[in-house]
Amino acid sequence: MVDRVRIDKWLWAARFFKTRSLAGVAIAKNQIRIGGQRIKPSRIVLVGDIIQIEKTPYVFTVTVLALNDQRRPASEAQALYEESEQSLVARQLLSERLRADRIARSGLAGDGRPSKKQRRQIIRFQNQNETTDSPPDD
């Protein structure tokens, strides 16, 4: 472990980004904040800092528990930070809502062209509606 680490290196080591350059781009786009303030990639991270990370569509709010400048296995990387309870709950709710939206959209769109059986059901339904919509003959 080390006592001083740049934020871009820490984000990479904690496995929030695949490369340091991607972490630097996210910092430049103001998607990473420490204590609610804009930062630069060279900002030094300290134990106890609260970092807000926006990775579309999710937002992580984590507290730095340890510093490391080397990318280690995911199990070790997760020991570098602790995600706040509110952040975890908000991400889970958003994930469930996005999953439900995706399922609803796929249900409306269907799976491409209708099969022969589905086409017959559609024609039967359309014919049924035409007979009920027409005015009675007097």
N, C-alpha and C. Protein backbone atom coordinates (compact mmCIF):
# COMPACT_ATOMS: atom_id res chain seq x y z
N MET A 1 0.84 -1.18 0.00
CA MET A 1 0.00 0.00 0.00
C MET A 1 0.89 1.24 0.00
N VAL A 2 0.32 2.33 -0.49
CA VAL A 2 1.05 3.58 -0.58
C VAL A 2 0.31 4.65 0.22
N ASP A 3 0.97 5.80 0.42
CA ASP A 3 0.33 6.85 1.21
C ASP A 3 -0.22 7.98 0.34
N ARG A 4 0.19 8.05 -0.94
CA ARG A 4 -0.30 9.10 -1.84
C ARG A 4 -0.61 8.48 -3.20
N VAL A 5 -1.83 8.73 -3.70
CA VAL A 5 -2.22 8.19 -5.00
C VAL A 5 -3.04 9.24 -5.73
N ARG A 6 -2.81 9.37 -7.03
CA ARG A 6 -3.62 10.26 -7.86
C ARG A 6 -5.01 9.66 -8.01
N ILE A 7 -6.01 10.51 -8.19
CA ILE A 7 -7.39 10.03 -8.29
C ILE A 7 -7.58 9.15 -9.53
N ASP A 8 -6.97 9.50 -10.66
CA ASP A 8 -7.15 8.68 -11.86
C ASP A 8 -6.55 7.28 -11.67
N LYS A 9 -5.44 7.22 -10.96
CA LYS A 9 -4.80 5.93 -10.69
C LYS A 9 -5.64 5.11 -9.70
N TRP A 10 -6.19 5.78 -8.69
CA TRP A 10 -7.01 5.09 -7.70
C TRP A 10 -8.29 4.54 -8.33
N LEU A 11 -8.94 5.32 -9.18
CA LEU A 11 -10.16 4.86 -9.86
C LEU A 11 -9.87 3.63 -10.72
N TRP A 12 -8.72 3.63 -11.37
CA TRP A 12 -8.31 2.50 -12.19
C TRP A 12 -8.01 1.28 -11.30
N ALA A 13 -7.29 1.50 -10.19
CA ALA A 13 -6.95 0.40 -9.28
C ALA A 13 -8.18 -0.17 -8.59
N ALA A 14 -9.18 0.69 -8.32
CA ALA A 14 -10.41 0.24 -7.66
C ALA A 14 -11.39 -0.36 -8.66
N ARG A 15 -10.99 -0.42 -9.93
CA ARG A 15 -11.75 -1.06 -11.01
C ARG A 15 -13.05 -0.36 -11.37
N PHE A 16 -13.08 0.96 -11.22
CA PHE A 16 -14.22 1.71 -11.71
C PHE A 16 -14.08 1.97 -13.21
N PHE A 17 -12.81 2.00 -13.70
CA PHE A 17 -12.54 2.22 -15.11
C PHE A 17 -11.48 1.24 -15.57
N LYS A 18 -11.55 0.84 -16.86
CA LYS A 18 -10.60 -0.14 -17.39
C LYS A 18 -9.21 0.43 -17.58
N THR A 19 -9.13 1.73 -17.88
CA THR A 19 -7.82 2.35 -18.08
C THR A 19 -7.75 3.67 -17.33
N ARG A 20 -6.53 4.13 -17.09
CA ARG A 20 -6.35 5.43 -16.45
C ARG A 20 -6.83 6.55 -17.36
N SER A 21 -6.65 6.37 -18.66
CA SER A 21 -7.08 7.43 -19.58
C SER A 21 -8.59 7.57 -19.57
N LEU A 22 -9.34 6.47 -19.44
CA LEU A 22 -10.80 6.57 -19.32
C LEU A 22 -11.19 7.27 -18.03
N ALA A 23 -10.46 7.01 -16.97
CA ALA A 23 -10.71 7.71 -15.71
C ALA A 23 -10.44 9.20 -15.87
N GLY A 24 -9.36 9.55 -16.59
CA GLY A 24 -9.04 10.95 -16.84
C GLY A 24 -10.11 11.65 -17.66
N VAL A 25 -10.65 10.96 -18.65
CA VAL A 25 -11.74 11.53 -19.46
C VAL A 25 -12.97 11.78 -18.60
N ALA A 26 -13.31 10.84 -17.73
CA ALA A 26 -14.47 11.01 -16.84
C ALA A 26 -14.25 12.19 -15.90
N ILE A 27 -13.04 12.37 -15.42
CA ILE A 27 -12.74 13.50 -14.54
C ILE A 27 -12.88 14.81 -15.32
N ALA A 28 -12.40 14.84 -16.55
CA ALA A 28 -12.50 16.04 -17.39
C ALA A 28 -13.95 16.40 -17.69
N LYS A 29 -14.81 15.39 -17.78
CA LYS A 29 -16.23 15.62 -18.05
C LYS A 29 -17.01 15.93 -16.77
N ASN A 30 -16.33 16.11 -15.67
CA ASN A 30 -16.95 16.43 -14.38
C ASN A 30 -17.86 15.30 -13.88
N GLN A 31 -17.52 14.07 -14.19
CA GLN A 31 -18.30 12.93 -13.73
C GLN A 31 -17.76 12.37 -12.43
N ILE A 32 -16.61 12.88 -11.99
CA ILE A 32 -16.00 12.46 -10.74
C ILE A 32 -15.85 13.69 -9.86
N ARG A 33 -16.34 13.60 -8.62
CA ARG A 33 -16.21 14.73 -7.70
C ARG A 33 -15.75 14.20 -6.34
N ILE A 34 -14.92 14.99 -5.68
CA ILE A 34 -14.51 14.65 -4.31
C ILE A 34 -15.08 15.73 -3.42
N GLY A 35 -15.91 15.33 -2.48
CA GLY A 35 -16.54 16.29 -1.59
C GLY A 35 -17.44 17.27 -2.34
N GLY A 36 -17.99 16.85 -3.48
CA GLY A 36 -18.87 17.70 -4.26
C GLY A 36 -18.16 18.72 -5.13
N GLN A 37 -16.83 18.72 -5.16
CA GLN A 37 -16.07 19.70 -5.94
C GLN A 37 -15.43 19.06 -7.16
N ARG A 38 -15.31 19.88 -8.23
CA ARG A 38 -14.61 19.44 -9.43
C ARG A 38 -13.15 19.19 -9.09
N ILE A 39 -12.56 18.24 -9.82
CA ILE A 39 -11.16 17.91 -9.55
C ILE A 39 -10.41 17.76 -10.86
N LYS A 40 -9.09 17.60 -10.74
CA LYS A 40 -8.23 17.30 -11.87
C LYS A 40 -7.69 15.89 -11.70
N PRO A 41 -7.24 15.25 -12.79
CA PRO A 41 -6.72 13.87 -12.67
C PRO A 41 -5.53 13.75 -11.72
N SER A 42 -4.82 14.83 -11.48
CA SER A 42 -3.63 14.76 -10.62
C SER A 42 -3.97 14.94 -9.15
N ARG A 43 -5.23 15.12 -8.80
CA ARG A 43 -5.65 15.32 -7.41
C ARG A 43 -5.27 14.11 -6.57
N ILE A 44 -4.69 14.35 -5.41
CA ILE A 44 -4.28 13.27 -4.51
C ILE A 44 -5.50 12.82 -3.70
N VAL A 45 -5.68 11.51 -3.62
CA VAL A 45 -6.78 10.93 -2.85
C VAL A 45 -6.29 10.63 -1.45
N LEU A 46 -7.13 10.90 -0.47
CA LEU A 46 -6.80 10.61 0.92
C LEU A 46 -7.81 9.62 1.48
N VAL A 47 -7.39 8.82 2.45
CA VAL A 47 -8.31 7.90 3.11
C VAL A 47 -9.39 8.73 3.80
N GLY A 48 -10.64 8.36 3.58
CA GLY A 48 -11.76 9.09 4.17
C GLY A 48 -12.44 10.03 3.20
N ASP A 49 -11.84 10.27 2.02
CA ASP A 49 -12.48 11.12 1.01
C ASP A 49 -13.77 10.48 0.52
N ILE A 50 -14.78 11.31 0.28
CA ILE A 50 -16.05 10.83 -0.28
C ILE A 50 -16.06 11.19 -1.76
N ILE A 51 -16.11 10.17 -2.61
CA ILE A 51 -16.02 10.36 -4.06
C ILE A 51 -17.37 10.02 -4.68
N GLN A 52 -17.83 10.89 -5.57
CA GLN A 52 -19.06 10.64 -6.32
C GLN A 52 -18.67 10.33 -7.76
N ILE A 53 -19.06 9.15 -8.23
CA ILE A 53 -18.67 8.66 -9.55
C ILE A 53 -19.94 8.46 -10.38
N GLU A 54 -20.03 9.17 -11.50
CA GLU A 54 -21.18 9.03 -12.40
C GLU A 54 -20.76 8.18 -13.59
N LYS A 55 -21.29 6.97 -13.65
CA LYS A 55 -21.10 6.10 -14.82
C LYS A 55 -22.49 5.82 -15.35
N THR A 56 -22.84 6.49 -16.43
CA THR A 56 -24.20 6.47 -16.96
C THR A 56 -24.72 5.05 -17.03
N PRO A 57 -25.89 4.77 -16.52
CA PRO A 57 -26.86 5.64 -15.87
C PRO A 57 -26.72 5.65 -14.34
N TYR A 58 -25.69 5.02 -13.81
CA TYR A 58 -25.57 4.87 -12.36
C TYR A 58 -24.69 5.95 -11.73
N VAL A 59 -24.93 6.21 -10.44
CA VAL A 59 -24.11 7.13 -9.66
C VAL A 59 -23.66 6.38 -8.40
N PHE A 60 -22.36 6.31 -8.21
CA PHE A 60 -21.78 5.66 -7.03
C PHE A 60 -21.32 6.75 -6.07
N THR A 61 -21.58 6.58 -4.79
CA THR A 61 -21.01 7.45 -3.76
C THR A 61 -20.21 6.55 -2.83
N VAL A 62 -18.88 6.70 -2.87
CA VAL A 62 -18.01 5.79 -2.13
C VAL A 62 -17.10 6.57 -1.18
N THR A 63 -16.71 5.91 -0.12
CA THR A 63 -15.75 6.45 0.83
C THR A 63 -14.45 5.67 0.67
N VAL A 64 -13.34 6.36 0.55
CA VAL A 64 -12.04 5.72 0.36
C VAL A 64 -11.60 5.10 1.69
N LEU A 65 -11.34 3.79 1.66
CA LEU A 65 -10.88 3.08 2.85
C LEU A 65 -9.39 2.80 2.81
N ALA A 66 -8.84 2.63 1.60
CA ALA A 66 -7.42 2.31 1.46
C ALA A 66 -6.93 2.86 0.12
N LEU A 67 -5.63 2.99 0.02
CA LEU A 67 -5.01 3.49 -1.20
C LEU A 67 -4.16 2.41 -1.84
N ASN A 68 -4.21 2.36 -3.17
CA ASN A 68 -3.38 1.42 -3.91
C ASN A 68 -3.17 1.99 -5.30
N ASP A 69 -1.97 1.88 -5.83
CA ASP A 69 -1.71 2.39 -7.17
C ASP A 69 -1.51 1.27 -8.18
N GLN A 70 -1.76 0.03 -7.76
CA GLN A 70 -1.66 -1.11 -8.66
C GLN A 70 -3.03 -1.75 -8.81
N ARG A 71 -3.31 -2.21 -10.01
CA ARG A 71 -4.58 -2.87 -10.28
C ARG A 71 -4.47 -4.32 -9.81
N ARG A 72 -5.30 -4.66 -8.85
CA ARG A 72 -5.29 -5.98 -8.24
C ARG A 72 -6.59 -6.71 -8.58
N PRO A 73 -6.78 -7.95 -8.16
CA PRO A 73 -8.03 -8.66 -8.41
C PRO A 73 -9.23 -7.91 -7.83
N ALA A 74 -10.40 -8.18 -8.38
CA ALA A 74 -11.62 -7.45 -7.99
C ALA A 74 -11.89 -7.57 -6.49
N SER A 75 -11.63 -8.72 -5.91
CA SER A 75 -11.88 -8.89 -4.47
C SER A 75 -11.02 -7.93 -3.65
N GLU A 76 -9.78 -7.72 -4.07
CA GLU A 76 -8.90 -6.78 -3.37
C GLU A 76 -9.29 -5.34 -3.69
N ALA A 77 -9.74 -5.09 -4.90
CA ALA A 77 -10.13 -3.73 -5.31
C ALA A 77 -11.34 -3.26 -4.51
N GLN A 78 -12.26 -4.15 -4.21
CA GLN A 78 -13.46 -3.78 -3.45
C GLN A 78 -13.12 -3.40 -2.02
N ALA A 79 -11.97 -3.81 -1.54
CA ALA A 79 -11.55 -3.45 -0.17
C ALA A 79 -11.02 -2.01 -0.11
N LEU A 80 -10.82 -1.39 -1.27
CA LEU A 80 -10.31 -0.02 -1.29
C LEU A 80 -11.37 1.02 -0.96
N TYR A 81 -12.64 0.65 -1.07
CA TYR A 81 -13.72 1.62 -0.87
C TYR A 81 -14.94 0.96 -0.24
N GLU A 82 -15.84 1.81 0.24
CA GLU A 82 -17.12 1.34 0.78
C GLU A 82 -18.20 2.22 0.18
N GLU A 83 -19.18 1.60 -0.46
CA GLU A 83 -20.26 2.36 -1.07
C GLU A 83 -21.31 2.70 -0.02
N SER A 84 -21.84 3.93 -0.07
CA SER A 84 -22.84 4.34 0.91
C SER A 84 -24.14 3.57 0.70
N GLU A 85 -24.90 3.43 1.76
CA GLU A 85 -26.16 2.67 1.71
C GLU A 85 -27.16 3.31 0.75
N GLN A 86 -27.26 4.66 0.77
CA GLN A 86 -28.19 5.35 -0.12
C GLN A 86 -27.81 5.11 -1.58
N SER A 87 -26.54 5.15 -1.88
CA SER A 87 -26.06 4.95 -3.24
C SER A 87 -26.40 3.53 -3.72
N LEU A 88 -26.19 2.55 -2.86
CA LEU A 88 -26.47 1.16 -3.20
C LEU A 88 -27.95 0.95 -3.47
N VAL A 89 -28.81 1.48 -2.60
CA VAL A 89 -30.26 1.34 -2.77
C VAL A 89 -30.72 2.04 -4.05
N ALA A 90 -30.22 3.25 -4.29
CA ALA A 90 -30.62 4.01 -5.49
C ALA A 90 -30.21 3.27 -6.76
N ARG A 91 -29.01 2.69 -6.78
CA ARG A 91 -28.56 1.94 -7.95
C ARG A 91 -29.41 0.69 -8.19
N GLN A 92 -29.79 -0.01 -7.12
CA GLN A 92 -30.61 -1.21 -7.26
C GLN A 92 -32.00 -0.85 -7.79
N LEU A 93 -32.59 0.23 -7.27
CA LEU A 93 -33.90 0.66 -7.75
C LEU A 93 -33.84 1.05 -9.22
N LEU A 94 -32.81 1.79 -9.61
CA LEU A 94 -32.66 2.19 -11.00
C LEU A 94 -32.46 0.98 -11.89
N SER A 95 -31.68 0.01 -11.43
CA SER A 95 -31.45 -1.21 -12.19
C SER A 95 -32.74 -1.97 -12.43
N GLU A 96 -33.56 -2.10 -11.38
CA GLU A 96 -34.85 -2.79 -11.51
C GLU A 96 -35.77 -2.05 -12.48
N ARG A 97 -35.79 -0.70 -12.38
CA ARG A 97 -36.65 0.08 -13.27
C ARG A 97 -36.21 -0.05 -14.73
N LEU A 98 -34.90 -0.01 -14.96
CA LEU A 98 -34.39 -0.16 -16.33
C LEU A 98 -34.70 -1.54 -16.88
N ARG A 99 -34.59 -2.57 -16.04
CA ARG A 99 -34.90 -3.93 -16.47
C ARG A 99 -36.37 -4.06 -16.82
N ALA A 100 -37.25 -3.46 -15.99
CA ALA A 100 -38.68 -3.51 -16.27
C ALA A 100 -39.02 -2.76 -17.56
N ASP A 101 -38.37 -1.61 -17.78
CA ASP A 101 -38.59 -0.86 -19.01
C ASP A 101 -38.16 -1.67 -20.23
N ARG A 102 -37.02 -2.34 -20.13
CA ARG A 102 -36.52 -3.15 -21.23
C ARG A 102 -37.48 -4.29 -21.54
N ILE A 103 -38.01 -4.92 -20.50
CA ILE A 103 -38.95 -6.03 -20.70
C ILE A 103 -40.24 -5.52 -21.33
N ALA A 104 -40.71 -4.35 -20.87
CA ALA A 104 -41.94 -3.78 -21.41
C ALA A 104 -41.76 -3.42 -22.88
N ARG A 105 -40.63 -2.84 -23.22
CA ARG A 105 -40.38 -2.47 -24.62
C ARG A 105 -40.30 -3.69 -25.51
N SER A 106 -39.65 -4.73 -25.04
CA SER A 106 -39.54 -5.92 -25.87
C SER A 106 -40.90 -6.60 -26.02
N GLY A 107 -41.75 -6.49 -24.99
CA GLY A 107 -43.09 -7.07 -25.08
C GLY A 107 -43.95 -6.34 -26.10
N LEU A 108 -43.79 -5.03 -26.19
CA LEU A 108 -44.57 -4.25 -27.15
C LEU A 108 -44.07 -4.47 -28.57
N ALA A 109 -42.78 -4.57 -28.75
CA ALA A 109 -42.23 -4.69 -30.08
C ALA A 109 -42.38 -6.10 -30.62
N GLY A 110 -42.40 -7.08 -29.75
CA GLY A 110 -42.50 -8.46 -30.20
C GLY A 110 -41.14 -8.99 -30.61
N ASP A 111 -41.16 -10.14 -31.21
CA ASP A 111 -39.91 -10.78 -31.62
C ASP A 111 -39.78 -10.82 -33.14
N GLY A 112 -40.04 -9.71 -33.79
CA GLY A 112 -39.92 -9.69 -35.25
C GLY A 112 -41.25 -9.98 -35.91
N ARG A 113 -41.22 -10.65 -37.04
CA ARG A 113 -42.44 -10.94 -37.79
C ARG A 113 -43.29 -11.96 -37.04
N PRO A 114 -44.61 -11.81 -37.14
CA PRO A 114 -45.49 -12.78 -36.47
C PRO A 114 -45.44 -14.13 -37.17
N SER A 115 -45.64 -15.18 -36.39
CA SER A 115 -45.69 -16.52 -36.96
C SER A 115 -47.05 -16.70 -37.66
N LYS A 116 -47.20 -17.83 -38.32
CA LYS A 116 -48.45 -18.10 -39.03
C LYS A 116 -49.63 -18.12 -38.05
N LYS A 117 -49.42 -18.72 -36.91
CA LYS A 117 -50.47 -18.79 -35.90
C LYS A 117 -50.81 -17.40 -35.37
N GLN A 118 -49.78 -16.59 -35.08
CA GLN A 118 -50.02 -15.23 -34.59
C GLN A 118 -50.73 -14.39 -35.65
N ARG A 119 -50.35 -14.56 -36.91
CA ARG A 119 -50.99 -13.79 -37.98
C ARG A 119 -52.47 -14.13 -38.08
N ARG A 120 -52.80 -15.40 -37.96
CA ARG A 120 -54.22 -15.81 -37.98
C ARG A 120 -54.97 -15.20 -36.81
N GLN A 121 -54.34 -15.15 -35.64
CA GLN A 121 -54.99 -14.53 -34.48
C GLN A 121 -55.21 -13.03 -34.70
N ILE A 122 -54.25 -12.37 -35.33
CA ILE A 122 -54.39 -10.94 -35.62
C ILE A 122 -55.55 -10.71 -36.58
N ILE A 123 -55.63 -11.51 -37.64
CA ILE A 123 -56.71 -11.36 -38.63
C ILE A 123 -58.05 -11.64 -37.97
N ARG A 124 -58.11 -12.67 -37.15
CA ARG A 124 -59.35 -13.00 -36.44
C ARG A 124 -59.78 -11.85 -35.53
N PHE A 125 -58.82 -11.24 -34.84
CA PHE A 125 -59.11 -10.11 -33.95
C PHE A 125 -59.59 -8.91 -34.75
N GLN A 126 -58.95 -8.62 -35.88
CA GLN A 126 -59.35 -7.48 -36.71
C GLN A 126 -60.75 -7.69 -37.28
N ASN A 127 -61.05 -8.90 -37.75
CA ASN A 127 -62.39 -9.20 -38.29
C ASN A 127 -63.45 -9.10 -37.20
N GLN A 128 -63.10 -9.51 -36.00
CA GLN A 128 -64.04 -9.44 -34.89
C GLN A 128 -64.37 -7.99 -34.56
N ASN A 129 -63.39 -7.12 -34.59
CA ASN A 129 -63.61 -5.70 -34.31
C ASN A 129 -64.42 -5.03 -35.41
N GLU A 130 -64.22 -5.44 -36.68
CA GLU A 130 -64.96 -4.84 -37.79
C GLU A 130 -66.45 -5.15 -37.69
N THR A 131 -66.78 -6.35 -37.25
CA THR A 131 -68.20 -6.72 -37.15
C THR A 131 -68.87 -6.01 -35.99
N THR A 132 -68.17 -5.72 -34.92
CA THR A 132 -68.79 -5.03 -33.78
C THR A 132 -68.82 -3.53 -33.99
N ASP A 133 -67.91 -2.98 -34.81
CA ASP A 133 -67.88 -1.54 -35.05
C ASP A 133 -68.91 -1.07 -36.07
N SER A 134 -69.33 -1.96 -36.95
CA SER A 134 -70.27 -1.53 -38.00
C SER A 134 -71.67 -1.27 -37.41
N PRO A 135 -72.36 -0.24 -37.91
CA PRO A 135 -73.69 0.08 -37.38
C PRO A 135 -74.70 -1.00 -37.77
N PRO A 136 -75.70 -1.23 -36.96
CA PRO A 136 -76.69 -2.27 -37.27
C PRO A 136 -77.53 -1.87 -38.50
N ASP A 137 -77.87 -2.87 -39.32
CA ASP A 137 -78.69 -2.63 -40.52
C ASP A 137 -80.17 -2.61 -40.12
N ASP A 138 -80.87 -1.47 -40.39
CA ASP A 138 -82.29 -1.38 -40.07
C ASP A 138 -83.12 -1.39 -41.31
